[in-house]
Structures are given as C-alpha cells and as structure tokens.
Amino acid sequence: MRLAKPSIDIGLSTNALAPMLAFWQRDIGLPFDHLLKIRAGIDQHRHGLMGSVLKINHVAAPLPDTPPTGYRELIIARDGLNLAERSADPDGNLVRLVPPGEDGVSQIGVRLVVRDLAAHRAFYRQALGLEEIMWPAGAAFRAGESLLLVEESPEATADAPFQGRGWRYLTFQVFEVDAEHAHILGRGGREAMPPTTLGTTARISMVKDPDGNWIEISQRASLTGPLP
C-alpha cells in the first residue's frame, strides 16, 4: 500500500457529543481541527493526533447496541511520561498514554483483537502490504509512523456492524484508492463499499479484514491533488 500520509486515522461513533468532546479535548489534550458534515444527522468532529486524526462521529439518532469491533484500544505516545496511563472515555473506549517506545509506539498504536492471528498476519502483510515488526503479544504492523498491534483473543468478535458505539474503523490515506481497493480484494479482502467520490473532498472505499473489521481506504484531495 502506497500511503499518502505516514499514519493511520481512527474513527468512533457516539450519541454523547458533549462529554466525549470534553474527555478527548480536556482530559487527553487533543486539539480540535474542524467539523465535517458527513450527511444529515452525522457530524464528524476531527481532532489532531500527532499527524493522525481522531474522528468523533456524532450520530443524532440513537445508535443500536451492537457488538464491538476488534479495535479495542488507542495508544498514544506522550513525551514526559515514565509509566503508562490507562483510561476510558465516557462511552468506554479504551485509551492508553505511554512513554514513547512502549510496545514500539512512537506516535500512535491501535490494539486489535482477532480470532485467528495467522489469517490476519497474512491479510495485513499481503493485502495491505504493511511491514510486520516484532511484538511479543502477537503481531505488529507499521503504517508509516503508526502501529497496528494484533493479538489473538477469545473475546474477538466477527462481522460487527458499522453502526454502533465505540471504535468502528481505521482509515489509510492512499494516492490511488481504486488501485488499492482492487489489490486488497484480489488478496482476500472483502468489499464493504466500492470506491465512491465525496464531492471534491475525497474518494473512499471500505474493505474488511478476515474478522470483518472495517477499514476505510481514502484518497483525500488535500493530500493527493484533484480527484479523478
């Protein structure tokens, strides 16, 4: 995968906008960047995350009680820390601030629990083309400065729907979304949404890993130039 930005973004969905913004801005210290209107009833509050983006998607309609995805924890490297600090936002999403270098994280990491580690190692190496690095608890994959930490767990779920509270998807920014989308499908990925152009902002698609975790592939005009 040819990344247009050397980091991954992460998105969550919530009905509780005010307490979520207070937690992420005040308690974790993330700067608000801008508001993106996704569609009627869904607003995306984008926050800077050391080159990555935290996407807090506020959904006006009540979100259904659905199983969690495999994305279970956001890890943020923070200068000046000697020990990790664990917390959870008002919706229960786990976040861990760590000294730079803990678990190999120098920017951000995302901990992903899966049912079959071998199947996901093959997917992230072959379909997404990520570099695998050593991680004693499972397998780690580098996407620019970001890390995806994958561990096998009996608590892992399969085919969690996109709609629901909590961590829902990762975003990889690429130069050519159509080519990357076809490459992923040709190497075992499942299509969740074909490439779609969103005005002049981005062309995006959605794919799924072997457990059905949602992955957005995005060609953003601000990074790559005018869309095809």
Protein backbone atom coordinates (compact mmCIF):
# COMPACT_ATOMS: atom_id res chain seq x y z
CA MET A 1 0.00 0.00 0.00
CA ARG A 2 1.38 3.38 -1.03
CA LEU A 3 0.44 5.76 1.76
CA ALA A 4 -0.28 9.41 1.03
CA LYS A 5 0.12 10.15 4.75
CA PRO A 6 2.56 8.30 7.02
CA SER A 7 -0.02 7.47 9.69
CA ILE A 8 -3.44 5.92 10.19
CA ASP A 9 -6.63 7.59 11.44
CA ILE A 10 -9.25 6.08 13.71
CA GLY A 11 -12.98 6.68 13.90
CA LEU A 12 -15.56 6.16 16.62
CA SER A 13 -19.30 6.75 16.79
CA THR A 14 -21.23 8.23 19.69
CA ASN A 15 -24.53 9.77 20.76
CA ALA A 16 -22.90 11.59 23.69
CA LEU A 17 -21.15 14.50 21.99
CA ALA A 18 -20.56 16.96 24.84
CA PRO A 19 -18.94 14.55 27.34
CA MET A 20 -16.91 12.90 24.57
CA LEU A 21 -15.51 16.23 23.37
CA ALA A 22 -14.73 17.23 26.95
CA PHE A 23 -12.83 14.00 27.56
CA TRP A 24 -10.77 13.98 24.38
CA GLN A 25 -10.01 17.69 24.38
CA ARG A 26 -9.60 18.41 28.10
CA ASP A 27 -8.51 15.08 29.61
CA ILE A 28 -6.43 13.70 26.73
CA GLY A 29 -5.46 17.09 25.31
CA LEU A 30 -6.24 16.58 21.63
CA PRO A 31 -6.70 19.76 19.57
CA PHE A 32 -9.97 20.18 17.69
CA ASP A 33 -9.28 20.62 13.98
CA HIS A 34 -12.59 21.06 12.18
CA LEU A 35 -16.15 19.84 11.78
CA LEU A 36 -17.04 17.75 8.74
CA LYS A 37 -20.69 17.29 7.85
CA ILE A 38 -20.96 13.66 6.74
CA ARG A 39 -24.69 13.69 6.00
CA ALA A 40 -27.91 14.69 7.72
CA GLY A 41 -27.70 13.55 11.33
CA ILE A 42 -23.98 12.68 11.33
CA ASP A 43 -21.26 15.22 12.11
CA GLN A 44 -17.58 14.32 12.28
CA HIS A 45 -15.52 16.23 14.84
CA ARG A 46 -11.91 15.83 13.71
CA HIS A 47 -9.07 16.08 16.23
CA GLY A 48 -5.33 16.20 15.70
CA LEU A 49 -3.46 13.13 16.89
CA MET A 50 0.25 13.64 16.20
CA GLY A 51 -0.29 13.52 12.44
CA SER A 52 -3.17 11.07 12.68
CA VAL A 53 -6.81 12.08 13.08
CA LEU A 54 -9.29 11.03 15.73
CA LYS A 55 -12.73 11.12 14.09
CA ILE A 56 -15.53 11.53 16.63
CA ASN A 57 -18.66 10.82 14.60
CA HIS A 58 -21.68 12.24 16.40
CA VAL A 59 -24.84 10.43 15.34
CA ALA A 60 -28.11 12.18 16.18
CA ALA A 61 -30.28 9.04 16.03
CA PRO A 62 -29.86 6.51 18.84
CA LEU A 63 -27.10 4.06 17.98
CA PRO A 64 -28.01 0.38 18.23
CA ASP A 65 -26.45 -1.90 20.82
CA THR A 66 -24.17 -3.88 18.56
CA PRO A 67 -21.07 -5.98 19.27
CA PRO A 68 -17.76 -4.12 19.42
CA THR A 69 -15.32 -4.32 16.56
CA GLY A 70 -11.90 -5.81 17.10
CA TYR A 71 -10.44 -2.33 17.61
CA ARG A 72 -10.14 -2.23 21.37
CA GLU A 73 -7.61 0.41 22.42
CA LEU A 74 -5.97 3.58 21.15
CA ILE A 75 -2.39 4.01 22.34
CA ILE A 76 -0.81 7.47 22.26
CA ALA A 77 2.89 8.14 22.83
CA ARG A 78 3.29 11.10 25.18
CA ASP A 79 6.58 12.80 25.99
CA GLY A 80 7.36 13.18 29.69
CA LEU A 81 5.63 10.02 30.88
CA ASN A 82 7.52 7.40 32.87
CA LEU A 83 4.61 4.98 33.22
CA ALA A 84 1.58 4.22 31.09
CA GLU A 85 -1.71 5.90 32.00
CA ARG A 86 -4.88 3.98 31.18
CA SER A 87 -8.35 5.47 30.97
CA ALA A 88 -11.64 5.19 29.11
CA ASP A 89 -13.82 7.84 27.52
CA PRO A 90 -17.49 8.31 28.52
CA ASP A 91 -18.56 5.58 26.08
CA GLY A 92 -15.99 3.14 27.47
CA ASN A 93 -13.46 3.36 24.63
CA LEU A 94 -10.04 2.48 26.00
CA VAL A 95 -7.08 4.84 25.63
CA ARG A 96 -3.56 4.42 26.92
CA LEU A 97 -0.94 7.15 27.12
CA VAL A 98 2.54 5.62 27.05
CA PRO A 99 6.15 6.73 27.19
CA PRO A 100 7.48 6.88 23.60
CA GLY A 101 8.74 3.45 22.59
CA GLU A 102 6.46 1.35 24.81
CA ASP A 103 5.13 -1.55 22.72
CA GLY A 104 7.09 0.05 19.88
CA VAL A 105 4.69 3.02 19.73
CA SER A 106 6.40 6.32 18.93
CA GLN A 107 3.29 8.10 17.58
CA ILE A 108 0.02 6.14 17.93
CA GLY A 109 -0.92 2.50 18.02
CA VAL A 110 -4.22 0.68 17.73
CA ARG A 111 -4.71 -2.64 19.53
CA LEU A 112 -6.79 -5.10 17.51
CA VAL A 113 -8.06 -8.41 18.89
CA VAL A 114 -8.75 -11.19 16.37
CA ARG A 115 -9.94 -14.79 16.30
CA ASP A 116 -7.17 -16.14 14.04
CA LEU A 117 -3.79 -14.41 14.23
CA ALA A 118 -2.32 -16.30 11.27
CA ALA A 119 -5.15 -15.23 8.95
CA HIS A 120 -4.74 -11.59 9.95
CA ARG A 121 -0.98 -11.68 9.60
CA ALA A 122 -1.40 -12.84 6.03
CA PHE A 123 -4.06 -10.18 5.34
CA TYR A 124 -2.14 -7.21 6.70
CA ARG A 125 1.10 -8.31 5.05
CA GLN A 126 -0.25 -9.35 1.66
CA ALA A 127 -3.48 -7.42 1.10
CA LEU A 128 -2.46 -4.17 2.78
CA GLY A 129 1.28 -4.56 2.25
CA LEU A 130 2.22 -3.44 5.76
CA GLU A 131 5.61 -4.15 7.27
CA GLU A 132 5.47 -6.64 10.13
CA ILE A 133 7.69 -5.98 13.12
CA MET A 134 8.34 -7.98 16.26
CA TRP A 135 5.77 -7.77 19.07
CA PRO A 136 5.77 -10.50 21.77
CA ALA A 137 2.00 -10.43 22.35
CA GLY A 138 1.12 -11.20 18.73
CA ALA A 139 1.98 -9.36 15.53
CA ALA A 140 2.61 -5.67 14.89
CA PHE A 141 2.32 -3.87 11.58
CA ARG A 142 3.79 -0.49 10.72
CA ALA A 143 1.83 2.02 8.65
CA GLY A 144 4.19 4.96 8.38
CA GLU A 145 4.65 6.21 11.94
CA SER A 146 1.60 4.35 13.30
CA LEU A 147 1.39 0.77 14.59
CA LEU A 148 -1.36 -1.81 14.43
CA LEU A 149 -0.93 -4.28 17.30
CA VAL A 150 -2.77 -7.53 16.59
CA GLU A 151 -3.36 -10.20 19.20
CA GLU A 152 -5.41 -13.38 19.20
CA SER A 153 -8.19 -13.38 21.79
CA PRO A 154 -11.28 -15.48 22.58
CA GLU A 155 -13.07 -12.14 23.12
CA ALA A 156 -12.69 -11.15 19.46
CA THR A 157 -15.93 -10.64 17.57
CA ALA A 158 -16.78 -11.30 13.94
CA ASP A 159 -18.59 -9.07 11.44
CA ALA A 160 -19.52 -6.31 13.86
CA PRO A 161 -21.78 -3.85 12.02
CA PHE A 162 -20.58 -0.38 11.15
CA GLN A 163 -23.40 1.21 13.13
CA GLY A 164 -22.79 1.17 16.87
CA ARG A 165 -20.97 2.95 19.66
CA GLY A 166 -17.24 2.75 20.07
CA TRP A 167 -14.24 2.27 17.82
CA ARG A 168 -15.62 1.39 14.38
CA TYR A 169 -12.94 1.79 11.69
CA LEU A 170 -9.42 2.73 10.66
CA THR A 171 -8.51 4.98 7.74
CA PHE A 172 -5.50 4.64 5.46
CA GLN A 173 -4.78 7.63 3.22
CA VAL A 174 -3.51 6.50 -0.19
CA PHE A 175 -2.68 8.00 -3.59
CA GLU A 176 -4.93 5.78 -5.74
CA VAL A 177 -7.95 4.37 -3.95
CA ASP A 178 -9.27 2.36 -6.92
CA ALA A 179 -5.98 0.52 -7.41
CA GLU A 180 -5.53 -0.16 -3.69
CA HIS A 181 -9.13 -1.34 -3.35
CA ALA A 182 -8.72 -3.81 -6.23
CA HIS A 183 -5.40 -5.03 -4.81
CA ILE A 184 -6.96 -5.73 -1.41
CA LEU A 185 -9.91 -7.62 -2.90
CA GLY A 186 -7.53 -9.65 -5.05
CA ARG A 187 -5.68 -10.82 -1.94
CA GLY A 188 -8.52 -11.91 0.28
CA GLY A 189 -10.08 -8.67 1.48
CA ARG A 190 -13.86 -8.31 1.50
CA GLU A 191 -15.62 -5.35 -0.04
CA ALA A 192 -17.85 -3.31 2.26
CA MET A 193 -18.27 -0.31 -0.07
CA PRO A 194 -16.92 0.21 -3.59
CA PRO A 195 -14.88 3.34 -4.36
CA THR A 196 -17.12 6.39 -4.08
CA THR A 197 -16.35 10.06 -4.68
CA LEU A 198 -17.42 12.54 -1.99
CA GLY A 199 -17.64 15.82 -3.89
CA THR A 200 -14.20 17.38 -4.26
CA THR A 201 -13.02 16.24 -0.81
CA ALA A 202 -12.13 12.56 -1.17
CA ARG A 203 -12.69 9.29 -2.97
CA ILE A 204 -13.11 6.47 -0.47
CA SER A 205 -13.88 2.78 -0.23
CA MET A 206 -14.44 0.32 2.61
CA VAL A 207 -12.97 -3.15 2.98
CA LYS A 208 -12.98 -5.75 5.76
CA ASP A 209 -10.28 -7.90 7.29
CA PRO A 210 -10.84 -11.64 7.99
CA ASP A 211 -12.93 -10.87 11.12
CA GLY A 212 -14.95 -8.21 9.32
CA ASN A 213 -13.26 -5.21 10.93
CA TRP A 214 -13.94 -2.08 8.89
CA ILE A 215 -11.09 -0.35 7.04
CA GLU A 216 -11.53 2.86 5.08
CA ILE A 217 -9.25 3.44 2.10
CA SER A 218 -9.21 7.16 1.33
CA GLN A 219 -7.79 9.30 -1.45
CA ARG A 220 -8.08 12.79 0.02
CA ALA A 221 -7.69 15.70 -2.41
CA SER A 222 -5.85 17.82 0.17
CA LEU A 223 -3.12 15.17 0.21
CA THR A 224 -3.08 13.84 -3.35
CA GLY A 225 -4.36 16.67 -5.54
CA PRO A 226 -7.56 16.82 -7.63
CA LEU A 227 -9.63 13.65 -7.69
CA PRO A 228 -10.02 11.62 -10.90
